[in-house]
Amino acid sequence: MSRPTFCHGEPDARALFDESETQLYIVQAMKSVTESEARKNWFGLLDEVLKGEVIAIERKGRRLILKLHEKKAVIPDYSGLIDFPDADDSDMWGWEWKGPGKLRYLPSRDPAGSRCPPR
């Protein structure tokens, strides 16, 4: 390890550590309350938990932890919902609406959206 360098008369803390051996730990301090305090301030504690605070409640020598549980969004799988032949060509056909009872099938158009000449 090299000698510490000084900045404004104080040792530079970065010079005291070997960067190849450093690790980062994130420590979240939690608020501890007794069961009596929790009973008195229950709704306030719940509001703190909703803001991300972790609360420890001591009861009969044991610790109960209150923390927010984020539910992960489930992305539904629609792959089997719509299945028909030539689905990859679905951008090549369409429908045209001309008023009530006048829905017309358009058999082919190019992917850019302009109408192709009839075949």
N, C-alpha and C. Protein backbone atom coordinates (compact mmCIF):
# COMPACT_ATOMS: atom_id res chain seq x y z
N MET A 1 0.86 -1.18 0.00
CA MET A 1 0.00 0.00 0.00
C MET A 1 0.90 1.23 0.00
N SER A 2 0.52 2.23 -0.78
CA SER A 2 1.32 3.45 -0.87
C SER A 2 1.06 4.35 0.34
N ARG A 3 1.94 5.32 0.51
CA ARG A 3 1.76 6.29 1.60
C ARG A 3 0.56 7.17 1.34
N PRO A 4 -0.20 7.51 2.38
CA PRO A 4 -1.35 8.39 2.17
C PRO A 4 -0.91 9.77 1.71
N THR A 5 -1.65 10.33 0.78
CA THR A 5 -1.38 11.69 0.35
C THR A 5 -2.23 12.63 1.21
N PHE A 6 -1.82 13.87 1.27
CA PHE A 6 -2.52 14.82 2.11
C PHE A 6 -3.20 15.88 1.26
N CYS A 7 -4.38 16.28 1.70
CA CYS A 7 -5.12 17.33 1.02
C CYS A 7 -5.53 18.33 2.09
N HIS A 8 -5.08 19.55 1.99
CA HIS A 8 -5.37 20.60 2.98
C HIS A 8 -4.94 20.17 4.38
N GLY A 9 -3.82 19.46 4.48
CA GLY A 9 -3.29 19.05 5.77
C GLY A 9 -3.93 17.79 6.33
N GLU A 10 -4.94 17.22 5.66
CA GLU A 10 -5.61 16.01 6.13
C GLU A 10 -5.24 14.84 5.21
N PRO A 11 -5.14 13.62 5.76
CA PRO A 11 -4.85 12.48 4.88
C PRO A 11 -6.02 12.22 3.93
N ASP A 12 -5.71 11.86 2.71
CA ASP A 12 -6.73 11.53 1.71
C ASP A 12 -7.16 10.08 1.97
N ALA A 13 -8.41 9.88 2.34
CA ALA A 13 -8.92 8.56 2.70
C ALA A 13 -8.81 7.58 1.54
N ARG A 14 -8.89 8.07 0.32
CA ARG A 14 -8.82 7.17 -0.84
C ARG A 14 -7.47 6.48 -0.92
N ALA A 15 -6.42 7.12 -0.41
CA ALA A 15 -5.09 6.54 -0.48
C ALA A 15 -4.90 5.43 0.55
N LEU A 16 -5.78 5.32 1.52
CA LEU A 16 -5.65 4.30 2.57
C LEU A 16 -6.22 2.95 2.16
N PHE A 17 -6.98 2.88 1.07
CA PHE A 17 -7.65 1.66 0.67
C PHE A 17 -7.10 1.13 -0.64
N ASP A 18 -7.00 -0.17 -0.71
CA ASP A 18 -6.63 -0.83 -1.95
C ASP A 18 -7.92 -1.05 -2.72
N GLU A 19 -8.09 -0.36 -3.86
CA GLU A 19 -9.34 -0.41 -4.61
C GLU A 19 -9.70 -1.80 -5.08
N SER A 20 -8.75 -2.68 -5.24
CA SER A 20 -9.06 -4.03 -5.71
C SER A 20 -9.76 -4.86 -4.63
N GLU A 21 -9.68 -4.44 -3.38
CA GLU A 21 -10.28 -5.20 -2.29
C GLU A 21 -11.49 -4.51 -1.66
N THR A 22 -11.90 -3.39 -2.19
CA THR A 22 -13.03 -2.69 -1.60
C THR A 22 -14.34 -3.27 -2.10
N GLN A 23 -15.33 -3.27 -1.23
CA GLN A 23 -16.68 -3.72 -1.56
C GLN A 23 -17.64 -2.68 -1.04
N LEU A 24 -18.78 -2.57 -1.69
CA LEU A 24 -19.78 -1.60 -1.30
C LEU A 24 -20.93 -2.32 -0.60
N TYR A 25 -21.29 -1.86 0.56
CA TYR A 25 -22.43 -2.39 1.28
C TYR A 25 -23.42 -1.25 1.49
N ILE A 26 -24.67 -1.52 1.22
CA ILE A 26 -25.71 -0.54 1.48
C ILE A 26 -26.45 -0.99 2.73
N VAL A 27 -26.40 -0.17 3.75
CA VAL A 27 -27.01 -0.51 5.02
C VAL A 27 -28.19 0.42 5.24
N GLN A 28 -29.34 -0.18 5.51
CA GLN A 28 -30.53 0.63 5.77
C GLN A 28 -30.85 0.49 7.25
N ALA A 29 -30.77 1.60 7.95
CA ALA A 29 -31.10 1.58 9.37
C ALA A 29 -32.61 1.50 9.52
N MET A 30 -33.05 0.74 10.48
CA MET A 30 -34.49 0.65 10.69
C MET A 30 -34.85 1.29 12.02
N LYS A 31 -36.04 1.77 12.06
CA LYS A 31 -36.56 2.40 13.26
C LYS A 31 -37.09 1.30 14.17
N SER A 32 -36.71 1.33 15.44
CA SER A 32 -37.21 0.35 16.41
C SER A 32 -38.16 1.02 17.38
N VAL A 33 -39.29 0.38 17.64
CA VAL A 33 -40.26 0.89 18.60
C VAL A 33 -40.73 -0.26 19.48
N THR A 34 -41.20 0.09 20.66
CA THR A 34 -41.77 -0.93 21.54
C THR A 34 -43.21 -1.20 21.10
N GLU A 35 -43.77 -2.28 21.63
CA GLU A 35 -45.16 -2.59 21.26
C GLU A 35 -46.11 -1.49 21.74
N SER A 36 -45.83 -0.87 22.87
CA SER A 36 -46.69 0.22 23.36
C SER A 36 -46.63 1.42 22.43
N GLU A 37 -45.41 1.78 21.99
CA GLU A 37 -45.27 2.89 21.06
C GLU A 37 -45.97 2.58 19.73
N ALA A 38 -45.85 1.34 19.28
CA ALA A 38 -46.49 0.93 18.03
C ALA A 38 -48.01 1.05 18.14
N ARG A 39 -48.57 0.64 19.28
CA ARG A 39 -50.02 0.71 19.49
C ARG A 39 -50.49 2.16 19.48
N LYS A 40 -49.72 3.04 20.11
CA LYS A 40 -50.10 4.45 20.19
C LYS A 40 -49.99 5.15 18.83
N ASN A 41 -48.99 4.77 18.04
CA ASN A 41 -48.70 5.49 16.79
C ASN A 41 -48.88 4.59 15.56
N TRP A 42 -49.77 3.62 15.62
CA TRP A 42 -49.91 2.61 14.59
C TRP A 42 -50.07 3.21 13.18
N PHE A 43 -51.00 4.13 13.00
CA PHE A 43 -51.25 4.67 11.66
C PHE A 43 -50.10 5.54 11.17
N GLY A 44 -49.43 6.22 12.09
CA GLY A 44 -48.24 6.99 11.72
C GLY A 44 -47.12 6.06 11.25
N LEU A 45 -46.96 4.93 11.95
CA LEU A 45 -45.94 3.95 11.54
C LEU A 45 -46.27 3.37 10.17
N LEU A 46 -47.55 3.09 9.93
CA LEU A 46 -47.95 2.56 8.62
C LEU A 46 -47.64 3.57 7.52
N ASP A 47 -47.87 4.86 7.79
CA ASP A 47 -47.54 5.89 6.79
C ASP A 47 -46.04 5.93 6.52
N GLU A 48 -45.22 5.75 7.56
CA GLU A 48 -43.77 5.73 7.38
C GLU A 48 -43.35 4.54 6.53
N VAL A 49 -43.97 3.38 6.77
CA VAL A 49 -43.66 2.18 5.99
C VAL A 49 -44.02 2.41 4.53
N LEU A 50 -45.16 3.07 4.27
CA LEU A 50 -45.56 3.35 2.89
C LEU A 50 -44.55 4.26 2.18
N LYS A 51 -43.81 5.06 2.96
CA LYS A 51 -42.79 5.94 2.39
C LYS A 51 -41.44 5.23 2.23
N GLY A 52 -41.37 3.95 2.63
CA GLY A 52 -40.14 3.19 2.45
C GLY A 52 -39.37 2.89 3.72
N GLU A 53 -39.82 3.38 4.86
CA GLU A 53 -39.15 3.13 6.14
C GLU A 53 -39.37 1.67 6.55
N VAL A 54 -38.38 1.08 7.19
CA VAL A 54 -38.51 -0.26 7.76
C VAL A 54 -38.63 -0.08 9.27
N ILE A 55 -39.66 -0.68 9.85
CA ILE A 55 -39.95 -0.51 11.28
C ILE A 55 -39.80 -1.86 11.98
N ALA A 56 -39.09 -1.86 13.11
CA ALA A 56 -38.97 -3.06 13.94
C ALA A 56 -39.76 -2.82 15.22
N ILE A 57 -40.65 -3.75 15.53
CA ILE A 57 -41.45 -3.66 16.75
C ILE A 57 -40.99 -4.78 17.68
N GLU A 58 -40.57 -4.40 18.89
CA GLU A 58 -40.11 -5.37 19.88
C GLU A 58 -41.31 -5.85 20.70
N ARG A 59 -41.51 -7.17 20.77
CA ARG A 59 -42.60 -7.74 21.57
C ARG A 59 -42.14 -9.06 22.17
N LYS A 60 -42.18 -9.13 23.49
CA LYS A 60 -41.81 -10.34 24.24
C LYS A 60 -40.45 -10.89 23.82
N GLY A 61 -39.49 -9.99 23.67
CA GLY A 61 -38.12 -10.39 23.34
C GLY A 61 -37.91 -10.77 21.88
N ARG A 62 -38.91 -10.60 21.07
CA ARG A 62 -38.79 -10.92 19.64
C ARG A 62 -39.01 -9.67 18.82
N ARG A 63 -38.55 -9.69 17.61
CA ARG A 63 -38.63 -8.52 16.74
C ARG A 63 -39.55 -8.82 15.55
N LEU A 64 -40.54 -7.95 15.35
CA LEU A 64 -41.43 -8.02 14.20
C LEU A 64 -41.02 -6.91 13.24
N ILE A 65 -40.89 -7.22 11.97
CA ILE A 65 -40.43 -6.26 10.98
C ILE A 65 -41.60 -5.86 10.08
N LEU A 66 -41.83 -4.55 9.98
CA LEU A 66 -42.82 -4.01 9.05
C LEU A 66 -42.07 -3.36 7.91
N LYS A 67 -42.31 -3.83 6.69
CA LYS A 67 -41.71 -3.19 5.54
C LYS A 67 -42.65 -3.36 4.35
N LEU A 68 -42.52 -2.44 3.42
CA LEU A 68 -43.38 -2.41 2.24
C LEU A 68 -43.02 -3.57 1.32
N HIS A 69 -44.03 -4.29 0.90
CA HIS A 69 -43.84 -5.39 -0.04
C HIS A 69 -44.35 -4.92 -1.40
N GLU A 70 -43.43 -4.70 -2.32
CA GLU A 70 -43.81 -4.26 -3.66
C GLU A 70 -44.18 -5.48 -4.48
N LYS A 71 -45.38 -5.48 -5.00
CA LYS A 71 -45.83 -6.58 -5.83
C LYS A 71 -45.34 -6.34 -7.25
N LYS A 72 -44.65 -7.32 -7.82
CA LYS A 72 -44.14 -7.18 -9.17
C LYS A 72 -45.28 -7.32 -10.16
N ALA A 73 -45.27 -6.47 -11.16
CA ALA A 73 -46.30 -6.52 -12.19
C ALA A 73 -46.12 -7.79 -13.02
N VAL A 74 -47.21 -8.49 -13.24
CA VAL A 74 -47.18 -9.69 -14.04
C VAL A 74 -47.58 -9.31 -15.46
N ILE A 75 -46.73 -9.64 -16.39
CA ILE A 75 -47.03 -9.35 -17.79
C ILE A 75 -47.73 -10.57 -18.38
N PRO A 76 -48.98 -10.40 -18.79
CA PRO A 76 -49.71 -11.55 -19.31
C PRO A 76 -49.14 -12.05 -20.64
N ASP A 77 -49.30 -13.33 -20.88
CA ASP A 77 -48.84 -13.94 -22.12
C ASP A 77 -50.04 -14.11 -23.05
N TYR A 78 -50.07 -13.32 -24.09
CA TYR A 78 -51.18 -13.37 -25.04
C TYR A 78 -50.83 -14.17 -26.29
N SER A 79 -49.71 -14.87 -26.27
CA SER A 79 -49.25 -15.52 -27.49
C SER A 79 -50.25 -16.54 -28.04
N GLY A 80 -51.00 -17.22 -27.19
CA GLY A 80 -51.95 -18.21 -27.69
C GLY A 80 -53.35 -17.67 -27.85
N LEU A 81 -53.57 -16.41 -27.55
CA LEU A 81 -54.91 -15.84 -27.59
C LEU A 81 -55.41 -15.65 -29.02
N ILE A 82 -54.58 -15.09 -29.86
CA ILE A 82 -54.96 -14.87 -31.26
C ILE A 82 -54.04 -15.74 -32.11
N ASP A 83 -54.64 -16.67 -32.80
CA ASP A 83 -53.86 -17.56 -33.64
C ASP A 83 -54.65 -17.84 -34.90
N PHE A 84 -54.09 -17.49 -36.02
CA PHE A 84 -54.73 -17.77 -37.30
C PHE A 84 -53.66 -17.92 -38.37
N PRO A 85 -53.99 -18.57 -39.47
CA PRO A 85 -52.98 -18.78 -40.51
C PRO A 85 -52.48 -17.44 -41.06
N ASP A 86 -51.23 -17.41 -41.40
CA ASP A 86 -50.58 -16.24 -42.00
C ASP A 86 -50.67 -14.99 -41.11
N ALA A 87 -50.55 -15.17 -39.81
CA ALA A 87 -50.62 -14.04 -38.88
C ALA A 87 -49.51 -13.03 -39.14
N ASP A 88 -48.38 -13.51 -39.65
CA ASP A 88 -47.27 -12.60 -39.93
C ASP A 88 -47.60 -11.64 -41.07
N ASP A 89 -48.60 -11.96 -41.88
CA ASP A 89 -49.00 -11.10 -42.98
C ASP A 89 -50.19 -10.20 -42.62
N SER A 90 -50.49 -10.09 -41.33
CA SER A 90 -51.68 -9.34 -40.93
C SER A 90 -51.58 -7.85 -41.27
N ASP A 91 -50.39 -7.35 -41.49
CA ASP A 91 -50.27 -5.94 -41.88
C ASP A 91 -50.47 -5.75 -43.38
N MET A 92 -50.79 -6.82 -44.08
CA MET A 92 -50.99 -6.75 -45.53
C MET A 92 -52.47 -6.68 -45.92
N TRP A 93 -53.37 -6.71 -44.96
CA TRP A 93 -54.80 -6.63 -45.27
C TRP A 93 -55.46 -5.73 -44.24
N GLY A 94 -56.69 -5.35 -44.45
CA GLY A 94 -57.37 -4.48 -43.51
C GLY A 94 -58.85 -4.37 -43.82
N TRP A 95 -59.48 -3.43 -43.15
CA TRP A 95 -60.91 -3.19 -43.30
C TRP A 95 -61.14 -1.72 -43.56
N GLU A 96 -62.17 -1.42 -44.28
CA GLU A 96 -62.53 -0.03 -44.52
C GLU A 96 -63.99 0.16 -44.12
N TRP A 97 -64.28 1.17 -43.34
CA TRP A 97 -65.62 1.45 -42.84
C TRP A 97 -66.23 2.57 -43.66
N LYS A 98 -67.38 2.30 -44.26
CA LYS A 98 -68.09 3.30 -45.08
C LYS A 98 -69.46 3.63 -44.50
N GLY A 99 -69.67 3.35 -43.23
CA GLY A 99 -70.96 3.63 -42.60
C GLY A 99 -71.63 2.34 -42.16
N PRO A 100 -72.81 2.45 -41.50
CA PRO A 100 -73.50 1.26 -40.99
C PRO A 100 -73.75 0.23 -42.10
N GLY A 101 -73.33 -1.00 -41.82
CA GLY A 101 -73.53 -2.08 -42.77
C GLY A 101 -72.59 -2.03 -43.96
N LYS A 102 -71.62 -1.17 -43.96
CA LYS A 102 -70.73 -1.01 -45.11
C LYS A 102 -69.27 -1.20 -44.70
N LEU A 103 -68.99 -2.31 -44.04
CA LEU A 103 -67.63 -2.67 -43.68
C LEU A 103 -67.06 -3.49 -44.84
N ARG A 104 -65.95 -3.05 -45.40
CA ARG A 104 -65.40 -3.69 -46.58
C ARG A 104 -64.02 -4.24 -46.28
N TYR A 105 -63.79 -5.49 -46.67
CA TYR A 105 -62.49 -6.15 -46.50
C TYR A 105 -61.55 -5.66 -47.58
N LEU A 106 -60.34 -5.26 -47.18
CA LEU A 106 -59.31 -4.84 -48.13
C LEU A 106 -58.22 -5.91 -48.12
N PRO A 107 -58.18 -6.74 -49.16
CA PRO A 107 -57.31 -7.90 -49.14
C PRO A 107 -55.82 -7.62 -49.14
N SER A 108 -55.36 -6.50 -49.69
CA SER A 108 -53.91 -6.34 -49.67
C SER A 108 -53.52 -4.87 -49.70
N ARG A 109 -52.49 -4.60 -48.94
CA ARG A 109 -51.86 -3.28 -48.94
C ARG A 109 -50.42 -3.49 -48.53
N ASP A 110 -49.58 -2.55 -48.86
CA ASP A 110 -48.17 -2.73 -48.49
C ASP A 110 -47.98 -2.39 -47.01
N PRO A 111 -46.89 -2.84 -46.38
CA PRO A 111 -46.68 -2.60 -44.95
C PRO A 111 -46.66 -1.13 -44.57
N ALA A 112 -46.36 -0.24 -45.51
CA ALA A 112 -46.32 1.19 -45.20
C ALA A 112 -47.72 1.76 -45.07
N GLY A 113 -48.75 1.03 -45.48
CA GLY A 113 -50.12 1.47 -45.28
C GLY A 113 -50.81 1.93 -46.53
N SER A 114 -50.11 2.11 -47.64
CA SER A 114 -50.81 2.54 -48.86
C SER A 114 -51.45 1.33 -49.52
N ARG A 115 -52.53 1.54 -50.20
CA ARG A 115 -53.27 0.47 -50.85
C ARG A 115 -52.50 -0.06 -52.07
N CYS A 116 -52.44 -1.35 -52.22
CA CYS A 116 -51.83 -1.95 -53.40
C CYS A 116 -52.90 -2.07 -54.47
N PRO A 117 -52.50 -2.06 -55.71
CA PRO A 117 -53.50 -2.27 -56.77
C PRO A 117 -54.10 -3.67 -56.65
N PRO A 118 -55.39 -3.85 -56.98
CA PRO A 118 -56.01 -5.17 -56.88
C PRO A 118 -55.31 -6.16 -57.80
N ARG A 119 -55.32 -7.41 -57.38
CA ARG A 119 -54.66 -8.46 -58.15
C ARG A 119 -55.60 -9.06 -59.15
